[in-house]
Amino acid sequence: MPLHPQTAAIVEGMAEANAGRPEMHEQDVAEARAGYQALASAFGPGPAVADVTDRTIPGPAGEIPIRCYSPAGDGPFPVLVFFHGGGWVIGDLETHDRECRMLCNDAGVLVVAIDYRLAPEHPYPACHEDCWAATQWVAEHATELGGDGSRIAVGGDSAGGNLSASIAISARDAGIELRLQMLIYPATDLRGHDPDYEGEAFASLAENREGPFLTLDSIRYFSRHHSGASDHQAIANEPRLSPLLAENHRGLAPAFIATCEYDPLRDEGNAYAARLVESGVPVQFKQWAGQPHVLFQLSPVLDDGKALIKECADALRRAMV
């Protein structure tokens, strides 16, 4: 279907507001981060929650900042370990503060948002190492946060979805039982993100190369920074970075997977959902017609954005029973 009318109006307004400005892939990292923060904060603060606490936990290269969002009521609460999106380069705790607050309230979960190290300052595998260390720590220390260590999920959007899928595989292999992996338009096969890739890339990368909100040039910008000095093709073949390439998907945590029709990452998210189903993993899947990347963060202005947050919360509630 065509781009949803609500979304088309937002895209048109942003195009007018940004006329003459360089595209994200033409900006330096500081500019790109500032632009993403401006987009995330444009709609005002998120809803109040019972408690918000910032602290640090031990990580492989020093302390990892986290932010804990506690719902109203008596704990211990089920826990969502949340990994933000932003191409492993431009997101942080602030860019996803609203969504974490909404999930906390709507799902009745303790949300533990992880401020993992970003590229290019800390290229792959720094972010994966931080997220795995944080997940292990939460599983062992949930009670310190008011959480229930027997009811843990992981989740995130885009790069955060990639991290969540990867962590779900590591958790299975380490014997940590997760209740859910919540994957919002996840990147699952990074081989085709490289312009020099000689294999068959997913069709959506070409179909949606001009966005909106995420372009193929931006994907390549993120991948270049994320790879650092490493050969992108070499590391893109690693299952930790491209979880679709894992040898075995059996026994993974049940999944909630959402993709968007006008997203360059659409087909690799769809392929991951299909792979999990083939492997016997329970999957709740939906492709949002007429919608682009970033839908998860557009709930203040898009009805489908609100509905996506609600479906995420509903999936978390069901998984935590």
Protein backbone atom coordinates (compact mmCIF):
# COMPACT_ATOMS: atom_id res chain seq x y z
CA MET A 1 0.00 0.00 0.00
CA PRO A 2 1.14 3.64 -0.32
CA LEU A 3 2.87 5.34 2.58
CA HIS A 4 0.26 5.84 5.30
CA PRO A 5 -1.32 9.34 5.02
CA GLN A 6 -0.38 10.25 8.61
CA THR A 7 3.20 9.22 7.97
CA ALA A 8 3.35 10.93 4.59
CA ALA A 9 2.38 14.23 6.22
CA ILE A 10 5.15 13.86 8.82
CA VAL A 11 7.70 12.98 6.14
CA GLU A 12 6.69 15.98 4.02
CA GLY A 13 6.92 18.34 6.98
CA MET A 14 10.35 17.07 7.95
CA ALA A 15 11.58 17.35 4.37
CA GLU A 16 10.57 21.01 4.33
CA ALA A 17 12.14 21.67 7.74
CA ASN A 18 15.41 19.99 6.74
CA ALA A 19 15.68 21.44 3.24
CA GLY A 20 19.26 22.38 2.48
CA ARG A 21 20.74 20.41 5.36
CA PRO A 22 23.17 17.58 4.68
CA GLU A 23 21.83 14.04 4.79
CA MET A 24 22.77 11.94 7.82
CA HIS A 25 25.41 9.98 5.91
CA GLU A 26 27.04 13.31 4.98
CA GLN A 27 27.28 14.48 8.60
CA ASP A 28 29.97 13.87 11.14
CA VAL A 29 29.03 11.68 14.07
CA ALA A 30 28.42 14.56 16.48
CA GLU A 31 25.98 16.17 14.04
CA ALA A 32 24.19 12.88 13.39
CA ARG A 33 23.80 12.24 17.11
CA ALA A 34 22.44 15.73 17.71
CA GLY A 35 19.95 15.32 14.87
CA TYR A 36 18.69 12.00 16.21
CA GLN A 37 18.35 13.45 19.69
CA ALA A 38 16.38 16.39 18.28
CA LEU A 39 13.99 14.02 16.48
CA ALA A 40 13.51 11.90 19.61
CA SER A 41 12.85 14.91 21.85
CA ALA A 42 10.67 16.84 19.40
CA PHE A 43 7.44 15.42 20.84
CA GLY A 44 8.12 16.27 24.48
CA PRO A 45 8.76 14.06 27.49
CA GLY A 46 7.33 10.61 27.97
CA PRO A 47 4.83 9.61 30.66
CA ALA A 48 5.69 9.53 34.33
CA VAL A 49 6.58 6.16 35.86
CA ALA A 50 6.77 5.15 39.50
CA ASP A 51 10.55 5.49 39.66
CA VAL A 52 13.53 6.15 37.40
CA THR A 53 17.04 5.40 38.62
CA ASP A 54 20.37 5.84 36.83
CA ARG A 55 23.31 3.73 37.97
CA THR A 56 26.23 1.73 36.59
CA ILE A 57 27.04 -1.96 36.50
CA PRO A 58 30.33 -3.78 35.79
CA GLY A 59 31.25 -4.25 32.14
CA PRO A 60 34.08 -5.74 30.11
CA ALA A 61 35.76 -2.36 29.62
CA GLY A 62 34.60 -0.47 32.70
CA GLU A 63 31.26 0.58 34.16
CA ILE A 64 28.15 0.40 31.94
CA PRO A 65 25.51 3.10 32.58
CA ILE A 66 21.96 1.79 32.86
CA ARG A 67 18.59 3.40 33.53
CA CYS A 68 15.92 1.50 35.46
CA TYR A 69 12.22 2.32 35.00
CA SER A 70 9.98 0.84 37.70
CA PRO A 71 6.20 0.47 37.31
CA ALA A 72 3.65 1.18 40.01
CA GLY A 73 2.78 -1.63 42.40
CA ASP A 74 4.65 -4.15 44.45
CA GLY A 75 7.60 -6.06 43.02
CA PRO A 76 9.49 -8.05 42.23
CA PHE A 77 8.62 -7.13 38.64
CA PRO A 78 9.34 -8.97 35.42
CA VAL A 79 12.29 -7.40 33.61
CA LEU A 80 12.86 -6.11 30.09
CA VAL A 81 16.53 -5.55 29.28
CA PHE A 82 16.26 -2.90 26.57
CA PHE A 83 18.85 -2.08 23.89
CA HIS A 84 18.23 1.17 22.01
CA GLY A 85 18.47 1.63 18.26
CA GLY A 86 20.51 4.15 16.32
CA GLY A 87 22.80 2.12 14.10
CA TRP A 88 25.22 1.30 16.97
CA VAL A 89 26.39 4.90 16.48
CA ILE A 90 23.86 7.61 17.40
CA GLY A 91 21.35 6.36 20.01
CA ASP A 92 21.52 6.58 23.79
CA LEU A 93 19.35 6.44 26.90
CA GLU A 94 17.72 9.77 26.07
CA THR A 95 16.69 8.93 22.51
CA HIS A 96 14.53 6.05 23.77
CA ASP A 97 13.45 7.37 27.14
CA ARG A 98 9.81 7.82 26.08
CA GLU A 99 9.45 4.30 24.71
CA CYS A 100 11.00 2.78 27.84
CA ARG A 101 8.55 4.71 30.00
CA MET A 102 5.62 3.59 27.89
CA LEU A 103 6.65 -0.06 27.99
CA CYS A 104 7.22 0.13 31.74
CA ASN A 105 3.70 1.44 32.37
CA ASP A 106 1.82 -0.49 29.70
CA ALA A 107 3.46 -3.87 30.32
CA GLY A 108 4.02 -3.53 34.06
CA VAL A 109 7.69 -4.44 33.67
CA LEU A 110 10.91 -3.13 35.12
CA VAL A 111 12.74 -1.76 32.09
CA VAL A 112 16.53 -1.79 32.34
CA ALA A 113 17.89 0.31 29.47
CA ILE A 114 21.54 -0.30 28.60
CA ASP A 115 23.82 2.57 27.55
CA TYR A 116 26.24 0.37 25.64
CA ARG A 117 29.42 1.71 24.05
CA LEU A 118 28.97 3.32 20.63
CA ALA A 119 30.97 3.30 17.42
CA PRO A 120 33.12 4.75 15.97
CA GLU A 121 34.81 5.38 19.33
CA HIS A 122 34.16 1.74 20.25
CA PRO A 123 33.65 -0.39 17.13
CA TYR A 124 32.36 -3.95 16.97
CA PRO A 125 32.23 -6.03 19.11
CA ALA A 126 32.13 -3.47 21.97
CA CYS A 127 28.36 -2.97 21.96
CA HIS A 128 27.67 -6.72 21.83
CA GLU A 129 30.10 -7.34 24.69
CA ASP A 130 28.42 -4.67 26.83
CA CYS A 131 24.91 -5.94 26.14
CA TRP A 132 25.81 -9.53 26.92
CA ALA A 133 27.58 -8.51 30.13
CA ALA A 134 24.57 -6.40 31.13
CA THR A 135 22.13 -9.24 30.45
CA GLN A 136 24.19 -11.66 32.54
CA TRP A 137 24.40 -9.11 35.35
CA VAL A 138 20.65 -8.47 35.34
CA ALA A 139 19.94 -12.22 35.38
CA GLU A 140 22.12 -12.57 38.48
CA HIS A 141 21.22 -9.31 40.27
CA ALA A 142 17.60 -8.61 39.28
CA THR A 143 16.48 -8.57 42.90
CA GLU A 144 18.79 -5.60 43.59
CA LEU A 145 16.71 -3.62 41.10
CA GLY A 146 13.33 -4.84 42.30
CA GLY A 147 13.09 -7.37 39.49
CA ASP A 148 12.33 -11.06 39.17
CA GLY A 149 15.34 -12.90 37.75
CA SER A 150 13.15 -15.77 36.57
CA ARG A 151 11.14 -13.50 34.28
CA ILE A 152 13.49 -11.67 31.91
CA ALA A 153 13.08 -10.53 28.31
CA VAL A 154 15.38 -8.70 25.94
CA GLY A 155 14.26 -6.22 23.33
CA GLY A 156 15.09 -3.26 21.16
CA ASP A 157 14.59 -1.54 17.84
CA SER A 158 16.78 -1.65 14.71
CA ALA A 159 20.38 -1.98 15.97
CA GLY A 160 18.81 -2.76 19.35
CA GLY A 161 16.81 -5.52 17.68
CA ASN A 162 20.04 -6.87 16.24
CA LEU A 163 21.62 -6.86 19.69
CA SER A 164 18.54 -8.50 21.22
CA ALA A 165 18.54 -11.34 18.68
CA SER A 166 22.25 -11.90 19.23
CA ILE A 167 21.89 -11.83 23.03
CA ALA A 168 18.99 -14.30 22.85
CA ILE A 169 21.32 -16.79 21.13
CA SER A 170 24.05 -16.20 23.72
CA ALA A 171 21.50 -16.62 26.53
CA ARG A 172 20.31 -19.95 25.16
CA ASP A 173 23.87 -21.20 24.85
CA ALA A 174 24.68 -20.07 28.41
CA GLY A 175 21.57 -21.61 29.93
CA ILE A 176 19.85 -18.28 30.72
CA GLU A 177 16.13 -18.72 30.07
CA LEU A 178 14.52 -15.66 28.52
CA ARG A 179 10.77 -15.24 28.37
CA LEU A 180 10.79 -13.18 25.15
CA GLN A 181 12.98 -11.55 22.53
CA MET A 182 11.24 -8.38 21.36
CA LEU A 183 12.69 -7.50 17.95
CA ILE A 184 11.52 -4.26 16.33
CA TYR A 185 12.64 -4.09 12.68
CA PRO A 186 15.91 -5.85 13.55
CA ALA A 187 19.02 -5.92 11.40
CA THR A 188 19.78 -9.65 11.13
CA ASP A 189 22.14 -10.09 8.15
CA LEU A 190 24.67 -7.29 7.68
CA ARG A 191 26.41 -8.73 4.64
CA GLY A 192 24.26 -6.78 2.19
CA HIS A 193 24.88 -3.50 4.02
CA ASP A 194 28.28 -3.32 2.31
CA PRO A 195 28.28 -1.81 -1.22
CA ASP A 196 30.98 -4.32 -2.20
CA TYR A 197 28.89 -7.35 -1.24
CA GLU A 198 28.81 -9.74 -4.19
CA GLY A 199 26.03 -12.00 -2.95
CA GLU A 200 22.28 -11.61 -3.30
CA ALA A 201 21.15 -8.80 -1.00
CA PHE A 202 17.62 -8.48 0.36
CA ALA A 203 15.27 -6.74 -2.07
CA SER A 204 14.04 -4.22 0.51
CA LEU A 205 17.51 -2.66 0.70
CA ALA A 206 17.07 -1.52 -2.91
CA GLU A 207 13.29 -0.97 -2.85
CA ASN A 208 13.52 1.35 0.16
CA ARG A 209 16.98 2.75 -0.43
CA GLU A 210 15.66 6.34 -0.13
CA GLY A 211 13.90 5.81 3.18
CA PRO A 212 11.98 7.56 4.65
CA PHE A 213 13.86 8.00 7.94
CA LEU A 214 16.44 5.34 7.08
CA THR A 215 18.24 5.21 3.74
CA LEU A 216 20.66 2.68 2.32
CA ASP A 217 23.38 5.34 2.44
CA SER A 218 22.71 5.79 6.17
CA ILE A 219 22.87 2.03 6.72
CA ARG A 220 26.26 1.97 5.02
CA TYR A 221 27.36 4.97 7.11
CA PHE A 222 26.45 3.10 10.30
CA SER A 223 28.07 -0.13 9.13
CA ARG A 224 31.29 1.66 8.22
CA HIS A 225 31.56 3.21 11.68
CA HIS A 226 30.48 0.02 13.42
CA SER A 227 33.11 -2.04 11.58
CA GLY A 228 35.90 0.39 12.43
CA ALA A 229 39.20 -0.76 10.98
CA SER A 230 37.88 -4.29 10.45
CA ASP A 231 36.84 -5.72 7.12
CA HIS A 232 33.05 -5.37 7.08
CA GLN A 233 32.43 -8.51 5.07
CA ALA A 234 34.54 -10.59 7.42
CA ILE A 235 32.70 -9.54 10.55
CA ALA A 236 29.29 -9.47 8.82
CA ASN A 237 29.61 -13.23 8.43
CA GLU A 238 29.89 -13.65 12.20
CA PRO A 239 26.58 -14.88 13.70
CA ARG A 240 27.02 -12.53 16.66
CA LEU A 241 26.66 -9.61 14.24
CA SER A 242 24.37 -11.32 11.71
CA PRO A 243 22.15 -13.62 13.82
CA LEU A 244 20.35 -14.93 10.74
CA LEU A 245 23.59 -16.77 9.96
CA ALA A 246 23.68 -18.67 13.27
CA GLU A 247 24.08 -22.40 12.75
CA ASN A 248 21.18 -23.29 15.01
CA HIS A 249 18.09 -21.30 16.04
CA ARG A 250 16.34 -24.12 17.87
CA GLY A 251 15.47 -23.58 21.50
CA LEU A 252 15.61 -19.79 21.39
CA ALA A 253 13.25 -17.65 23.45
CA PRO A 254 9.82 -16.95 21.93
CA ALA A 255 9.91 -13.90 19.69
CA PHE A 256 7.83 -10.83 18.99
CA ILE A 257 8.97 -9.44 15.63
CA ALA A 258 7.69 -6.29 13.93
CA THR A 259 8.83 -5.03 10.53
CA CYS A 260 7.69 -2.14 8.31
CA GLU A 261 6.83 -2.12 4.62
CA TYR A 262 8.90 0.97 3.76
CA ASP A 263 11.99 -0.03 5.73
CA PRO A 264 15.25 -1.10 4.05
CA LEU A 265 15.63 -3.68 6.86
CA ARG A 266 12.19 -5.19 6.20
CA ASP A 267 13.24 -8.36 4.42
CA GLU A 268 15.98 -9.39 6.83
CA GLY A 269 13.56 -9.01 9.74
CA ASN A 270 10.98 -11.05 7.84
CA ALA A 271 13.60 -13.68 7.03
CA TYR A 272 14.54 -13.96 10.69
CA ALA A 273 10.91 -14.47 11.69
CA ALA A 274 10.61 -17.24 9.08
CA ARG A 275 13.87 -18.87 10.25
CA LEU A 276 12.69 -18.95 13.85
CA VAL A 277 9.35 -20.47 12.85
CA GLU A 278 11.20 -23.13 10.81
CA SER A 279 13.27 -23.86 13.92
CA GLY A 280 10.24 -24.41 16.11
CA VAL A 281 10.44 -21.11 17.99
CA PRO A 282 7.07 -19.52 18.86
CA VAL A 283 6.85 -16.25 16.93
CA GLN A 284 4.37 -13.39 16.98
CA PHE A 285 5.02 -11.51 13.74
CA LYS A 286 3.55 -8.50 11.96
CA GLN A 287 4.67 -6.38 9.01
CA TRP A 288 3.21 -2.90 9.33
CA ALA A 289 1.75 -1.87 5.97
CA GLY A 290 2.46 1.63 4.72
CA GLN A 291 4.94 2.39 7.50
CA PRO A 292 8.69 3.12 7.61
CA HIS A 293 11.61 2.57 9.93
CA VAL A 294 11.37 4.58 13.20
CA LEU A 295 7.64 3.75 13.62
CA PHE A 296 8.43 2.60 17.18
CA GLN A 297 9.49 6.16 18.09
CA LEU A 298 6.62 7.97 16.36
CA SER A 299 3.83 7.01 18.77
CA PRO A 300 3.16 10.66 19.72
CA VAL A 301 2.09 11.46 16.15
CA LEU A 302 1.14 8.17 14.47
CA ASP A 303 -1.74 5.88 15.42
CA ASP A 304 0.24 2.88 14.17
CA GLY A 305 3.14 3.94 16.40
CA LYS A 306 0.83 3.86 19.41
CA ALA A 307 -0.52 0.48 18.29
CA LEU A 308 3.00 -0.93 17.92
CA ILE A 309 3.93 0.09 21.46
CA LYS A 310 0.70 -1.50 22.71
CA GLU A 311 1.42 -4.75 20.86
CA CYS A 312 4.94 -4.81 22.34
CA ALA A 313 3.50 -4.30 25.82
CA ASP A 314 0.83 -6.95 25.29
CA ALA A 315 3.46 -9.45 24.14
CA LEU A 316 5.57 -8.73 27.21
CA ARG A 317 2.61 -9.17 29.56
CA ARG A 318 1.71 -12.52 28.03
CA ALA A 319 5.30 -13.74 28.13
CA MET A 320 5.77 -12.85 31.78
CA VAL A 321 2.78 -14.77 33.18
